[in-house]
């Protein structure tokens, strides 16, 4: 009766039981590799969590299970990028849990992506330690109210100080190689600069 594509989807209904879900175990991922998880969902009621577990279906290995509360009659997209720990051995689990609700899930995709040179580029770490200040600190915080994928984004507010930012230095790039930089942003006010510097955080090479 419901499908984002094709002719059918996975239907989970826990309105009577209060909670439950579905999962796959022993998903084929490798230690140290980076992956992108994406799927379509139509959440009619309740709270949907996406858990990436290692030898358990009850806890997320990054400690941040994706939470969806936005009830909608339209198909939505969930996406998350993550890197497997270097000491991972086996039994990676993809888990959908639903609390007192009803959801349709379709087009689940898990694909390996090229390794990223940016640490905490998805902004999913709990703190801001991976992103040192550039110039005056201003306000630098992780936001759980605004995000594109996962559960949070980086929020920077320099209205009180005039100009500030974040940076990462000593990135492991190599001479005569081509690189692609991309990001999602929502600029509410002011001017945003993205600088690629060589031994300088103030000038683009």
Protein backbone atom coordinates (compact mmCIF):
# COMPACT_ATOMS: atom_id res chain seq x y z
CA UNK A 1 0.00 0.00 0.00
CA UNK A 2 2.97 2.33 0.54
CA UNK A 3 6.26 2.64 -1.36
CA UNK A 4 8.81 5.39 -2.02
CA UNK A 5 9.84 3.44 -5.11
CA UNK A 6 9.09 -0.02 -6.42
CA UNK A 7 5.91 -1.67 -5.19
CA UNK A 8 6.34 -2.14 -1.44
CA UNK A 9 8.02 -0.97 1.76
CA UNK A 10 8.70 -2.15 5.31
CA UNK A 11 5.78 -1.35 7.65
CA UNK A 12 6.37 -1.23 11.42
CA UNK A 13 3.46 -0.62 13.81
CA UNK A 14 4.06 -0.51 17.58
CA UNK A 15 0.99 1.47 18.63
CA UNK A 16 -0.33 -1.51 20.60
CA UNK A 17 2.92 -3.01 21.89
CA UNK A 18 4.48 0.36 22.82
CA UNK A 19 7.84 -0.35 21.22
CA UNK A 20 9.68 -2.60 18.80
CA UNK A 21 11.42 -2.59 15.46
CA UNK A 22 13.50 -4.47 12.94
CA UNK A 23 17.21 -4.97 12.30
CA UNK A 24 19.85 -6.73 10.27
CA UNK A 25 22.99 -8.13 11.86
CA UNK A 26 26.41 -9.00 10.46
CA UNK A 27 26.16 -6.20 7.91
CA UNK A 28 29.30 -6.25 5.77
CA UNK A 29 31.37 -3.23 6.84
CA UNK A 30 35.12 -2.97 7.46
CA UNK A 31 37.23 -1.41 10.19
CA UNK A 32 38.38 2.14 9.53
CA UNK A 33 36.15 2.63 6.48
CA UNK A 34 33.64 5.44 6.06
CA UNK A 35 30.03 4.76 5.07
CA UNK A 36 26.85 6.63 4.19
CA UNK A 37 23.51 5.32 5.39
CA UNK A 38 20.36 6.68 3.76
CA UNK A 39 16.74 5.62 3.59
CA UNK A 40 13.25 6.97 2.91
CA UNK A 41 10.64 6.97 5.65
CA UNK A 42 7.09 8.05 6.28
CA UNK A 43 6.57 8.47 10.02
CA UNK A 44 2.85 8.56 10.78
CA UNK A 45 3.20 8.59 14.58
CA UNK A 46 5.66 7.89 17.39
CA UNK A 47 9.45 8.24 17.54
CA UNK A 48 11.79 6.47 15.14
CA UNK A 49 15.41 5.77 16.12
CA UNK A 50 18.19 4.53 13.86
CA UNK A 51 20.83 2.62 15.80
CA UNK A 52 24.21 1.53 14.47
CA UNK A 53 25.26 -1.22 16.85
CA UNK A 54 28.33 -3.40 17.23
CA UNK A 55 27.35 -6.77 18.73
CA UNK A 56 24.22 -5.19 20.19
CA UNK A 57 20.92 -3.89 18.90
CA UNK A 58 20.32 -1.72 21.95
CA UNK A 59 22.99 0.99 21.74
CA UNK A 60 24.61 3.08 19.02
CA UNK A 61 28.39 2.65 18.75
CA UNK A 62 28.84 6.41 18.33
CA UNK A 63 26.46 7.09 21.22
CA UNK A 64 24.13 9.18 19.07
CA UNK A 65 21.23 7.19 17.62
CA UNK A 66 19.36 9.18 14.98
CA UNK A 67 16.01 10.33 16.36
CA UNK A 68 13.08 11.28 14.14
CA UNK A 69 9.94 12.82 15.64
CA UNK A 70 8.62 14.75 12.64
CA UNK A 71 5.31 13.15 11.75
CA UNK A 72 4.48 13.54 8.06
CA UNK A 73 2.25 12.05 5.40
CA UNK A 74 5.06 12.61 2.87
CA UNK A 75 8.19 10.53 2.31
CA UNK A 76 11.25 12.00 4.03
CA UNK A 77 14.96 11.14 3.72
CA UNK A 78 17.31 10.19 6.55
CA UNK A 79 21.08 10.26 5.95
CA UNK A 80 24.12 9.71 8.15
CA UNK A 81 27.86 9.38 7.50
CA UNK A 82 29.97 7.39 9.94
CA UNK A 83 33.40 5.75 10.20
CA UNK A 84 33.89 2.29 11.65
CA UNK A 85 36.35 2.00 14.56
CA UNK A 86 39.82 0.72 13.72
CA UNK A 87 39.37 -2.18 16.16
CA UNK A 88 36.06 -3.37 14.67
CA UNK A 89 35.95 -7.13 14.09
CA UNK A 90 32.40 -8.31 13.29
CA UNK A 91 28.64 -8.17 13.89
CA UNK A 92 27.66 -4.67 12.80
CA UNK A 93 23.91 -4.13 13.16
CA UNK A 94 21.52 -1.70 11.52
CA UNK A 95 18.51 -1.24 13.79
CA UNK A 96 15.20 0.61 13.41
CA UNK A 97 13.27 1.06 16.67
CA UNK A 98 9.86 2.66 16.92
CA UNK A 99 8.22 3.87 20.12
CA UNK A 100 4.41 3.81 20.15
CA UNK A 101 3.99 4.62 16.50
CA UNK A 102 3.69 3.64 12.86
CA UNK A 103 6.27 4.04 10.11
CA UNK A 104 6.99 2.95 6.54
CA UNK A 105 10.65 2.51 5.50
CA UNK A 106 11.95 2.10 1.94
CA UNK A 107 15.09 2.37 -0.20
CA UNK A 108 17.62 1.62 2.55
CA UNK A 109 21.15 2.20 1.22
CA UNK A 110 24.50 1.67 2.93
CA UNK A 111 27.51 2.54 0.77
CA UNK A 112 31.21 3.05 1.32
CA UNK A 113 32.40 6.58 0.69
CA UNK A 114 35.94 7.86 0.14
CA UNK A 115 37.78 8.52 3.38
CA UNK A 116 37.37 12.05 4.61
CA UNK A 117 40.32 14.17 5.70
CA UNK A 118 38.11 16.35 7.92
CA UNK A 119 37.59 15.13 11.47
CA UNK A 120 34.02 15.50 12.79
CA UNK A 121 32.86 16.84 9.43
CA UNK A 122 29.36 15.51 10.11
CA UNK A 123 29.33 17.48 13.39
CA UNK A 124 28.10 14.45 15.31
CA UNK A 125 30.68 14.52 18.11
CA UNK A 126 29.20 15.76 21.37
CA UNK A 127 31.63 18.67 21.82
CA UNK A 128 33.43 21.20 19.58
CA UNK A 129 37.00 20.10 20.35
CA UNK A 130 37.66 18.95 16.76
CA UNK A 131 37.14 22.52 15.53
CA UNK A 132 39.56 25.04 17.14
CA UNK A 133 38.61 28.70 17.07
CA UNK A 134 39.70 31.02 14.30
CA UNK A 135 40.21 34.51 15.74
CA UNK A 136 37.80 35.60 18.48
CA UNK A 137 35.78 32.66 19.81
CA UNK A 138 32.31 34.17 19.43
CA UNK A 139 29.61 31.56 20.06
CA UNK A 140 30.54 28.06 18.87
CA UNK A 141 28.24 25.21 19.82
CA UNK A 142 26.65 22.04 18.51
CA UNK A 143 22.97 22.45 17.66
CA UNK A 144 20.40 19.67 17.93
CA UNK A 145 17.59 21.87 16.57
CA UNK A 146 19.13 22.55 13.14
CA UNK A 147 20.78 19.82 11.06
CA UNK A 148 20.78 18.31 7.58
CA UNK A 149 21.47 14.71 8.57
CA UNK A 150 22.42 12.85 11.70
CA UNK A 151 21.38 14.60 14.90
CA UNK A 152 23.18 17.96 15.03
CA UNK A 153 25.16 20.69 13.28
CA UNK A 154 27.71 23.37 14.19
CA UNK A 155 26.25 26.75 15.14
CA UNK A 156 28.48 29.84 14.92
CA UNK A 157 27.26 33.28 16.05
CA UNK A 158 29.63 36.25 15.70
CA UNK A 159 27.12 39.10 15.91
CA UNK A 160 28.51 40.25 19.27
CA UNK A 161 32.22 40.07 18.36
CA UNK A 162 32.24 41.07 14.70
CA UNK A 163 34.14 38.18 13.19
CA UNK A 164 35.19 34.67 14.19
CA UNK A 165 35.10 31.11 12.97
CA UNK A 166 36.40 27.57 13.21
CA UNK A 167 39.27 25.76 11.53
CA UNK A 168 41.26 22.56 11.21
CA UNK A 169 45.01 22.68 10.58
CA UNK A 170 47.64 20.23 9.35
CA UNK A 171 45.19 18.31 7.19
CA UNK A 172 46.88 15.27 5.57
CA UNK A 173 46.74 16.41 1.94
CA UNK A 174 49.49 15.62 -0.55
CA UNK A 175 51.17 17.60 -3.31
CA UNK A 176 49.80 17.37 -6.85
CA UNK A 177 46.60 15.61 -5.75
CA UNK A 178 43.06 16.80 -6.46
CA UNK A 179 40.55 17.09 -3.63
CA UNK A 180 36.85 17.84 -3.38
CA UNK A 181 35.50 19.98 -0.53
CA UNK A 182 31.77 20.22 0.10
CA UNK A 183 29.47 21.15 2.96
CA UNK A 184 25.91 22.12 3.74
CA UNK A 185 25.29 25.50 5.36
CA UNK A 186 22.50 27.87 6.38
CA UNK A 187 23.75 31.49 6.49
CA UNK A 188 21.28 33.56 8.54
CA UNK A 189 23.26 36.81 8.50
CA UNK A 190 26.71 38.23 7.79
CA UNK A 191 29.35 36.99 5.35
CA UNK A 192 30.81 33.49 5.32
CA UNK A 193 34.31 32.73 4.01
CA UNK A 194 35.78 29.29 3.35
CA UNK A 195 39.58 29.53 3.30
CA UNK A 196 42.05 26.89 2.09
CA UNK A 197 45.36 28.01 3.55
CA UNK A 198 48.95 26.77 3.44
CA UNK A 199 50.66 27.62 6.73
CA UNK A 200 48.15 30.47 7.03
CA UNK A 201 44.58 30.56 8.32
CA UNK A 202 43.95 34.07 6.97
CA UNK A 203 44.68 33.75 3.25
CA UNK A 204 43.50 31.25 0.62
CA UNK A 205 46.45 29.68 -1.21
